[in-house]
């Protein structure tokens, strides 16, 4: 198996594909799962329950800079606001 480049809570980015995310875990099958994943090209959040990153593709991702981390944090706030389910009364 390929040596994992990222670990839980790492902020990662594919600058060419304009995808940013926060790693949740790496499973036994070699797939990274995300807490949040955002694609700038289509300005949308990916469904973290169905979108994964195969470890073979980690070579296309880097760690985010401090400025990019701030952007991801702002996106995470937006993501949480958009996915918040209203309480049933």
C-alpha atoms as a PDB file:
ATOM      1  CA  UNK A   1       0.000   0.000   0.000  1.00  0.00           C
ATOM      2  CA  UNK A   2       1.113   3.560  -0.658  1.00  0.00           C
ATOM      3  CA  UNK A   3       2.335   5.524   2.363  1.00  0.00           C
ATOM      4  CA  UNK A   4      -0.401   7.973   3.444  1.00  0.00           C
ATOM      5  CA  UNK A   5       0.513  11.619   2.922  1.00  0.00           C
ATOM      6  CA  UNK A   6      -2.370  13.084   4.939  1.00  0.00           C
ATOM      7  CA  UNK A   7      -3.895  12.404   8.323  1.00  0.00           C
ATOM      8  CA  UNK A   8      -7.060  13.359  10.182  1.00  0.00           C
ATOM      9  CA  UNK A   9      -7.813  17.105  10.248  1.00  0.00           C
ATOM     10  CA  UNK A  10      -5.291  17.978   7.520  1.00  0.00           C
ATOM     11  CA  UNK A  11      -6.393  20.744   5.183  1.00  0.00           C
ATOM     12  CA  UNK A  12      -5.634  19.705   1.620  1.00  0.00           C
ATOM     13  CA  UNK A  13      -5.938  21.308  -1.798  1.00  0.00           C
ATOM     14  CA  UNK A  14      -5.642  20.421  -5.444  1.00  0.00           C
ATOM     15  CA  UNK A  15      -4.642  23.789  -6.871  1.00  0.00           C
ATOM     16  CA  UNK A  16      -5.014  22.716 -10.495  1.00  0.00           C
ATOM     17  CA  UNK A  17      -8.479  21.201  -9.997  1.00  0.00           C
ATOM     18  CA  UNK A  18      -9.459  23.830  -7.407  1.00  0.00           C
ATOM     19  CA  UNK A  19     -10.702  21.338  -4.840  1.00  0.00           C
ATOM     20  CA  UNK A  20     -10.225  21.886  -1.095  1.00  0.00           C
ATOM     21  CA  UNK A  21     -11.098  19.673   1.827  1.00  0.00           C
ATOM     22  CA  UNK A  22     -10.515  18.590   5.389  1.00  0.00           C
ATOM     23  CA  UNK A  23      -9.513  14.959   5.877  1.00  0.00           C
ATOM     24  CA  UNK A  24     -11.666  12.923   8.228  1.00  0.00           C
ATOM     25  CA  UNK A  25      -9.934   9.545   7.956  1.00  0.00           C
ATOM     26  CA  UNK A  26      -8.194   7.024   5.726  1.00  0.00           C
ATOM     27  CA  UNK A  27     -10.071   3.736   5.605  1.00  0.00           C
ATOM     28  CA  UNK A  28      -8.681   0.200   5.292  1.00  0.00           C
ATOM     29  CA  UNK A  29      -9.384   0.140   1.553  1.00  0.00           C
ATOM     30  CA  UNK A  30      -7.161   3.167   0.871  1.00  0.00           C
ATOM     31  CA  UNK A  31      -9.772   5.904   0.562  1.00  0.00           C
ATOM     32  CA  UNK A  32      -9.615   9.290   2.257  1.00  0.00           C
ATOM     33  CA  UNK A  33     -12.923  10.483   3.694  1.00  0.00           C
ATOM     34  CA  UNK A  34     -13.665  14.158   4.254  1.00  0.00           C
ATOM     35  CA  UNK A  35     -15.290  16.341   6.882  1.00  0.00           C
ATOM     36  CA  UNK A  36     -15.847  18.896   4.134  1.00  0.00           C
ATOM     37  CA  UNK A  37     -14.921  18.985   0.452  1.00  0.00           C
ATOM     38  CA  UNK A  38     -15.469  21.960  -1.854  1.00  0.00           C
ATOM     39  CA  UNK A  39     -14.967  22.337  -5.595  1.00  0.00           C
ATOM     40  CA  UNK A  40     -14.415  25.891  -6.774  1.00  0.00           C
ATOM     41  CA  UNK A  41     -14.938  25.085 -10.461  1.00  0.00           C
ATOM     42  CA  UNK A  42     -18.640  24.376  -9.904  1.00  0.00           C
ATOM     43  CA  UNK A  43     -18.857  26.358  -6.645  1.00  0.00           C
ATOM     44  CA  UNK A  44     -20.365  23.420  -4.797  1.00  0.00           C
ATOM     45  CA  UNK A  45     -19.840  21.275  -1.747  1.00  0.00           C
ATOM     46  CA  UNK A  46     -19.414  17.585  -2.386  1.00  0.00           C
ATOM     47  CA  UNK A  47     -21.491  15.044  -0.481  1.00  0.00           C
ATOM     48  CA  UNK A  48     -18.950  13.764   2.048  1.00  0.00           C
ATOM     49  CA  UNK A  49     -20.949  10.552   2.430  1.00  0.00           C
ATOM     50  CA  UNK A  50     -20.333   9.582  -1.196  1.00  0.00           C
ATOM     51  CA  UNK A  51     -17.171  11.452  -2.270  1.00  0.00           C
ATOM     52  CA  UNK A  52     -13.801   9.935  -1.427  1.00  0.00           C
ATOM     53  CA  UNK A  53     -10.209  10.393  -2.528  1.00  0.00           C
ATOM     54  CA  UNK A  54      -8.368   7.247  -3.506  1.00  0.00           C
ATOM     55  CA  UNK A  55      -4.904   7.199  -1.932  1.00  0.00           C
ATOM     56  CA  UNK A  56      -3.326   6.835  -5.411  1.00  0.00           C
ATOM     57  CA  UNK A  57      -4.539  10.361  -6.197  1.00  0.00           C
ATOM     58  CA  UNK A  58      -3.022  11.992  -3.105  1.00  0.00           C
ATOM     59  CA  UNK A  59      -0.054  12.993  -5.292  1.00  0.00           C
ATOM     60  CA  UNK A  60      -2.284  15.660  -6.869  1.00  0.00           C
ATOM     61  CA  UNK A  61      -3.023  17.264  -3.488  1.00  0.00           C
ATOM     62  CA  UNK A  62      -0.895  19.435  -1.206  1.00  0.00           C
ATOM     63  CA  UNK A  63      -1.281  20.855   2.273  1.00  0.00           C
ATOM     64  CA  UNK A  64      -3.094  24.194   2.383  1.00  0.00           C
ATOM     65  CA  UNK A  65      -1.216  27.378   3.184  1.00  0.00           C
ATOM     66  CA  UNK A  66      -2.376  29.479   6.156  1.00  0.00           C
ATOM     67  CA  UNK A  67      -4.347  31.738   3.807  1.00  0.00           C
ATOM     68  CA  UNK A  68      -5.984  28.751   2.120  1.00  0.00           C
ATOM     69  CA  UNK A  69      -6.839  27.294   5.553  1.00  0.00           C
ATOM     70  CA  UNK A  70      -8.707  30.513   6.371  1.00  0.00           C
ATOM     71  CA  UNK A  71     -10.642  30.147   3.125  1.00  0.00           C
ATOM     72  CA  UNK A  72     -11.469  26.524   3.944  1.00  0.00           C
ATOM     73  CA  UNK A  73     -12.629  27.535   7.446  1.00  0.00           C
ATOM     74  CA  UNK A  74     -14.962  30.145   5.917  1.00  0.00           C
ATOM     75  CA  UNK A  75     -16.256  27.541   3.468  1.00  0.00           C
ATOM     76  CA  UNK A  76     -16.760  25.097   6.334  1.00  0.00           C
ATOM     77  CA  UNK A  77     -18.951  27.629   8.145  1.00  0.00           C
ATOM     78  CA  UNK A  78     -20.988  28.052   4.956  1.00  0.00           C
ATOM     79  CA  UNK A  79     -21.186  24.292   4.492  1.00  0.00           C
ATOM     80  CA  UNK A  80     -22.459  23.759   8.040  1.00  0.00           C
ATOM     81  CA  UNK A  81     -25.053  26.508   7.595  1.00  0.00           C
ATOM     82  CA  UNK A  82     -26.268  24.998   4.309  1.00  0.00           C
ATOM     83  CA  UNK A  83     -26.460  21.429   5.630  1.00  0.00           C
ATOM     84  CA  UNK A  84     -27.993  22.259   8.999  1.00  0.00           C
ATOM     85  CA  UNK A  85     -31.266  20.431   9.378  1.00  0.00           C
ATOM     86  CA  UNK A  86     -34.059  22.326  11.068  1.00  0.00           C
ATOM     87  CA  UNK A  87     -35.314  20.936  14.360  1.00  0.00           C
ATOM     88  CA  UNK A  88     -38.698  19.252  14.287  1.00  0.00           C
ATOM     89  CA  UNK A  89     -41.255  20.809  16.558  1.00  0.00           C
END
